[in-house]
Amino acid sequence: MSERDEPARDATATAPRYTRRLSDKILIAFHQACDQGDYEIADLMLRALETMLQRRPMAADLNRRRSMDSLIAAHERLWHLRHPGEVAR
């Protein structure tokens, strides 16, 4: 089949290049670093996420609340990984 025989591609029919927010990808990278035991990188991912949440207003309060809840849960996970057996006060 030659290029002339292929149907024309419509630029509007293609899927969006980025389907997840950058903050979601950073959070995924954080969890992967935790899973691999690389807590230094996990900490760097959290710092990047914090920076993003501090400088950029969210479109809706619901998204900001969800992002903040995810950030807090990530901090808790990292603390528990670094302090196994200890109870947070």
N, C-alpha and C. Protein backbone atom coordinates (compact mmCIF):
# COMPACT_ATOMS: atom_id res chain seq x y z
N MET A 1 0.85 -1.17 0.00
CA MET A 1 0.00 0.00 0.00
C MET A 1 0.90 1.24 0.00
N SER A 2 0.69 2.14 -0.89
CA SER A 2 1.51 3.35 -0.97
C SER A 2 0.90 4.45 -0.12
N GLU A 3 1.66 5.53 0.06
CA GLU A 3 1.17 6.66 0.85
C GLU A 3 -0.07 7.26 0.23
N ARG A 4 -0.18 7.20 -1.10
CA ARG A 4 -1.36 7.77 -1.76
C ARG A 4 -2.60 6.96 -1.44
N ASP A 5 -2.45 5.66 -1.20
CA ASP A 5 -3.60 4.80 -0.92
C ASP A 5 -4.10 4.92 0.52
N GLU A 6 -3.25 5.46 1.43
CA GLU A 6 -3.65 5.58 2.84
C GLU A 6 -4.63 6.73 3.00
N PRO A 7 -5.61 6.57 3.89
CA PRO A 7 -6.55 7.67 4.12
C PRO A 7 -5.82 8.86 4.74
N ALA A 8 -6.28 10.04 4.40
CA ALA A 8 -5.68 11.25 4.96
C ALA A 8 -5.93 11.29 6.46
N ARG A 9 -4.94 11.74 7.18
CA ARG A 9 -5.08 11.85 8.64
C ARG A 9 -5.59 13.24 9.00
N ASP A 10 -6.60 13.27 9.79
CA ASP A 10 -7.16 14.53 10.24
C ASP A 10 -6.48 14.90 11.56
N ALA A 11 -5.86 16.06 11.61
CA ALA A 11 -5.12 16.48 12.81
C ALA A 11 -6.03 16.58 14.02
N THR A 12 -7.29 16.89 13.82
CA THR A 12 -8.20 17.01 14.96
C THR A 12 -8.66 15.66 15.48
N ALA A 13 -8.45 14.60 14.72
CA ALA A 13 -8.91 13.27 15.13
C ALA A 13 -7.89 12.56 16.01
N THR A 14 -6.70 13.08 16.13
CA THR A 14 -5.69 12.42 16.95
C THR A 14 -5.95 12.68 18.43
N ALA A 15 -5.55 11.73 19.25
CA ALA A 15 -5.73 11.85 20.70
C ALA A 15 -4.79 12.93 21.24
N PRO A 16 -5.17 13.55 22.34
CA PRO A 16 -4.28 14.56 22.92
C PRO A 16 -2.94 13.91 23.30
N ARG A 17 -1.89 14.66 23.13
CA ARG A 17 -0.55 14.13 23.39
C ARG A 17 -0.36 13.82 24.87
N TYR A 18 -0.85 14.69 25.72
CA TYR A 18 -0.69 14.50 27.16
C TYR A 18 -2.06 14.29 27.77
N THR A 19 -2.28 13.13 28.36
CA THR A 19 -3.58 12.83 28.92
C THR A 19 -3.61 12.97 30.43
N ARG A 20 -2.46 13.08 31.06
CA ARG A 20 -2.40 13.27 32.51
C ARG A 20 -1.74 14.60 32.83
N ARG A 21 -2.12 15.15 33.97
CA ARG A 21 -1.47 16.37 34.42
C ARG A 21 -0.04 16.05 34.83
N LEU A 22 0.83 17.03 34.70
CA LEU A 22 2.22 16.84 35.11
C LEU A 22 2.30 16.46 36.58
N SER A 23 1.46 17.06 37.41
CA SER A 23 1.48 16.73 38.83
C SER A 23 1.14 15.26 39.08
N ASP A 24 0.26 14.70 38.26
CA ASP A 24 -0.08 13.27 38.38
C ASP A 24 1.12 12.40 38.01
N LYS A 25 1.84 12.80 36.97
CA LYS A 25 3.02 12.04 36.56
C LYS A 25 4.11 12.10 37.62
N ILE A 26 4.27 13.25 38.25
CA ILE A 26 5.27 13.39 39.32
C ILE A 26 4.89 12.51 40.50
N LEU A 27 3.61 12.46 40.82
CA LEU A 27 3.15 11.61 41.91
C LEU A 27 3.38 10.13 41.59
N ILE A 28 3.18 9.74 40.35
CA ILE A 28 3.46 8.36 39.93
C ILE A 28 4.96 8.08 40.09
N ALA A 29 5.80 9.03 39.68
CA ALA A 29 7.25 8.86 39.82
C ALA A 29 7.64 8.76 41.29
N PHE A 30 6.96 9.52 42.15
CA PHE A 30 7.21 9.44 43.59
C PHE A 30 6.94 8.02 44.09
N HIS A 31 5.78 7.47 43.73
CA HIS A 31 5.43 6.13 44.19
C HIS A 31 6.39 5.07 43.63
N GLN A 32 6.83 5.26 42.41
CA GLN A 32 7.79 4.31 41.84
C GLN A 32 9.11 4.38 42.60
N ALA A 33 9.55 5.59 42.94
CA ALA A 33 10.79 5.74 43.71
C ALA A 33 10.64 5.07 45.08
N CYS A 34 9.50 5.23 45.71
CA CYS A 34 9.25 4.58 47.01
C CYS A 34 9.28 3.06 46.85
N ASP A 35 8.63 2.56 45.81
CA ASP A 35 8.60 1.11 45.58
C ASP A 35 9.99 0.54 45.38
N GLN A 36 10.88 1.35 44.79
CA GLN A 36 12.25 0.91 44.54
C GLN A 36 13.19 1.24 45.69
N GLY A 37 12.67 1.85 46.75
CA GLY A 37 13.48 2.16 47.91
C GLY A 37 14.40 3.36 47.72
N ASP A 38 14.16 4.18 46.73
CA ASP A 38 14.99 5.36 46.47
C ASP A 38 14.31 6.58 47.10
N TYR A 39 14.48 6.72 48.42
CA TYR A 39 13.78 7.75 49.17
C TYR A 39 14.29 9.15 48.88
N GLU A 40 15.53 9.28 48.48
CA GLU A 40 16.06 10.60 48.12
C GLU A 40 15.33 11.15 46.89
N ILE A 41 15.14 10.30 45.89
CA ILE A 41 14.42 10.72 44.69
C ILE A 41 12.95 10.95 45.02
N ALA A 42 12.38 10.12 45.86
CA ALA A 42 10.99 10.31 46.28
C ALA A 42 10.82 11.67 46.93
N ASP A 43 11.77 12.05 47.78
CA ASP A 43 11.72 13.35 48.42
C ASP A 43 11.80 14.48 47.40
N LEU A 44 12.65 14.33 46.41
CA LEU A 44 12.76 15.34 45.35
C LEU A 44 11.46 15.47 44.56
N MET A 45 10.79 14.35 44.33
CA MET A 45 9.52 14.39 43.62
C MET A 45 8.47 15.15 44.43
N LEU A 46 8.47 14.93 45.76
CA LEU A 46 7.53 15.66 46.61
C LEU A 46 7.82 17.15 46.61
N ARG A 47 9.10 17.52 46.61
CA ARG A 47 9.45 18.94 46.56
C ARG A 47 8.97 19.58 45.26
N ALA A 48 9.13 18.85 44.16
CA ALA A 48 8.66 19.37 42.88
C ALA A 48 7.14 19.55 42.90
N LEU A 49 6.45 18.57 43.46
CA LEU A 49 4.99 18.64 43.54
C LEU A 49 4.55 19.81 44.42
N GLU A 50 5.22 20.00 45.55
CA GLU A 50 4.90 21.12 46.43
C GLU A 50 5.09 22.46 45.70
N THR A 51 6.18 22.57 44.96
CA THR A 51 6.46 23.80 44.22
C THR A 51 5.34 24.09 43.23
N MET A 52 4.90 23.06 42.53
CA MET A 52 3.82 23.23 41.56
C MET A 52 2.53 23.69 42.23
N LEU A 53 2.21 23.10 43.38
CA LEU A 53 0.96 23.44 44.05
C LEU A 53 1.01 24.83 44.66
N GLN A 54 2.19 25.29 45.03
CA GLN A 54 2.31 26.62 45.63
C GLN A 54 2.23 27.74 44.60
N ARG A 55 2.76 27.52 43.42
CA ARG A 55 2.84 28.62 42.46
C ARG A 55 1.68 28.69 41.49
N ARG A 56 0.99 27.61 41.27
CA ARG A 56 -0.03 27.58 40.23
C ARG A 56 -1.42 27.42 40.84
N PRO A 57 -2.29 28.40 40.62
CA PRO A 57 -3.66 28.23 41.13
C PRO A 57 -4.38 27.14 40.35
N MET A 58 -5.13 26.34 41.04
CA MET A 58 -5.89 25.27 40.41
C MET A 58 -7.17 25.84 39.80
N ALA A 59 -7.65 25.19 38.77
CA ALA A 59 -8.86 25.64 38.09
C ALA A 59 -10.08 25.56 39.00
N ALA A 60 -10.16 24.51 39.77
CA ALA A 60 -11.31 24.33 40.67
C ALA A 60 -10.81 23.93 42.04
N ASP A 61 -11.55 24.31 43.06
CA ASP A 61 -11.17 23.96 44.43
C ASP A 61 -11.10 22.46 44.63
N LEU A 62 -11.94 21.71 43.92
CA LEU A 62 -11.95 20.26 44.04
C LEU A 62 -10.61 19.67 43.61
N ASN A 63 -10.06 20.16 42.50
CA ASN A 63 -8.76 19.68 42.04
C ASN A 63 -7.66 20.03 43.03
N ARG A 64 -7.70 21.22 43.57
CA ARG A 64 -6.69 21.63 44.54
C ARG A 64 -6.78 20.77 45.80
N ARG A 65 -7.98 20.54 46.26
CA ARG A 65 -8.18 19.72 47.46
C ARG A 65 -7.66 18.30 47.23
N ARG A 66 -7.97 17.74 46.08
CA ARG A 66 -7.51 16.39 45.75
C ARG A 66 -5.98 16.35 45.66
N SER A 67 -5.41 17.37 45.05
CA SER A 67 -3.95 17.43 44.93
C SER A 67 -3.29 17.56 46.30
N MET A 68 -3.87 18.38 47.16
CA MET A 68 -3.31 18.54 48.52
C MET A 68 -3.45 17.25 49.31
N ASP A 69 -4.57 16.57 49.19
CA ASP A 69 -4.76 15.29 49.89
C ASP A 69 -3.73 14.26 49.41
N SER A 70 -3.48 14.25 48.10
CA SER A 70 -2.48 13.32 47.55
C SER A 70 -1.08 13.65 48.06
N LEU A 71 -0.78 14.95 48.15
CA LEU A 71 0.52 15.38 48.64
C LEU A 71 0.71 14.97 50.10
N ILE A 72 -0.29 15.17 50.91
CA ILE A 72 -0.21 14.78 52.32
C ILE A 72 -0.04 13.27 52.46
N ALA A 73 -0.81 12.51 51.70
CA ALA A 73 -0.69 11.05 51.75
C ALA A 73 0.70 10.60 51.30
N ALA A 74 1.26 11.28 50.32
CA ALA A 74 2.60 10.93 49.85
C ALA A 74 3.64 11.21 50.93
N HIS A 75 3.51 12.35 51.61
CA HIS A 75 4.42 12.65 52.72
C HIS A 75 4.31 11.60 53.82
N GLU A 76 3.10 11.20 54.12
CA GLU A 76 2.90 10.16 55.14
C GLU A 76 3.54 8.84 54.72
N ARG A 77 3.38 8.48 53.46
CA ARG A 77 3.98 7.23 52.98
C ARG A 77 5.50 7.27 53.12
N LEU A 78 6.10 8.37 52.70
CA LEU A 78 7.55 8.48 52.77
C LEU A 78 8.02 8.45 54.22
N TRP A 79 7.30 9.11 55.11
CA TRP A 79 7.68 9.10 56.53
C TRP A 79 7.64 7.67 57.07
N HIS A 80 6.58 6.93 56.76
CA HIS A 80 6.46 5.55 57.25
C HIS A 80 7.54 4.65 56.66
N LEU A 81 7.92 4.89 55.42
CA LEU A 81 8.99 4.10 54.81
C LEU A 81 10.34 4.38 55.47
N ARG A 82 10.55 5.63 55.84
CA ARG A 82 11.82 6.01 56.49
C ARG A 82 11.86 5.67 57.97
N HIS A 83 10.69 5.49 58.58
CA HIS A 83 10.59 5.20 60.02
C HIS A 83 9.72 3.97 60.24
N PRO A 84 10.15 2.81 59.77
CA PRO A 84 9.32 1.61 59.93
C PRO A 84 9.12 1.27 61.41
N GLY A 85 7.90 0.94 61.76
CA GLY A 85 7.61 0.54 63.13
C GLY A 85 7.31 1.68 64.06
N GLU A 86 7.58 2.92 63.67
CA GLU A 86 7.30 4.08 64.52
C GLU A 86 5.89 4.57 64.24
N VAL A 87 5.29 5.16 65.26
CA VAL A 87 3.95 5.71 65.14
C VAL A 87 4.08 7.23 65.06
N ALA A 88 3.46 7.84 64.05
CA ALA A 88 3.49 9.30 63.92
C ALA A 88 2.66 9.92 65.02
N ARG A 89 3.12 11.04 65.53
CA ARG A 89 2.39 11.74 66.60
C ARG A 89 1.44 12.75 66.04
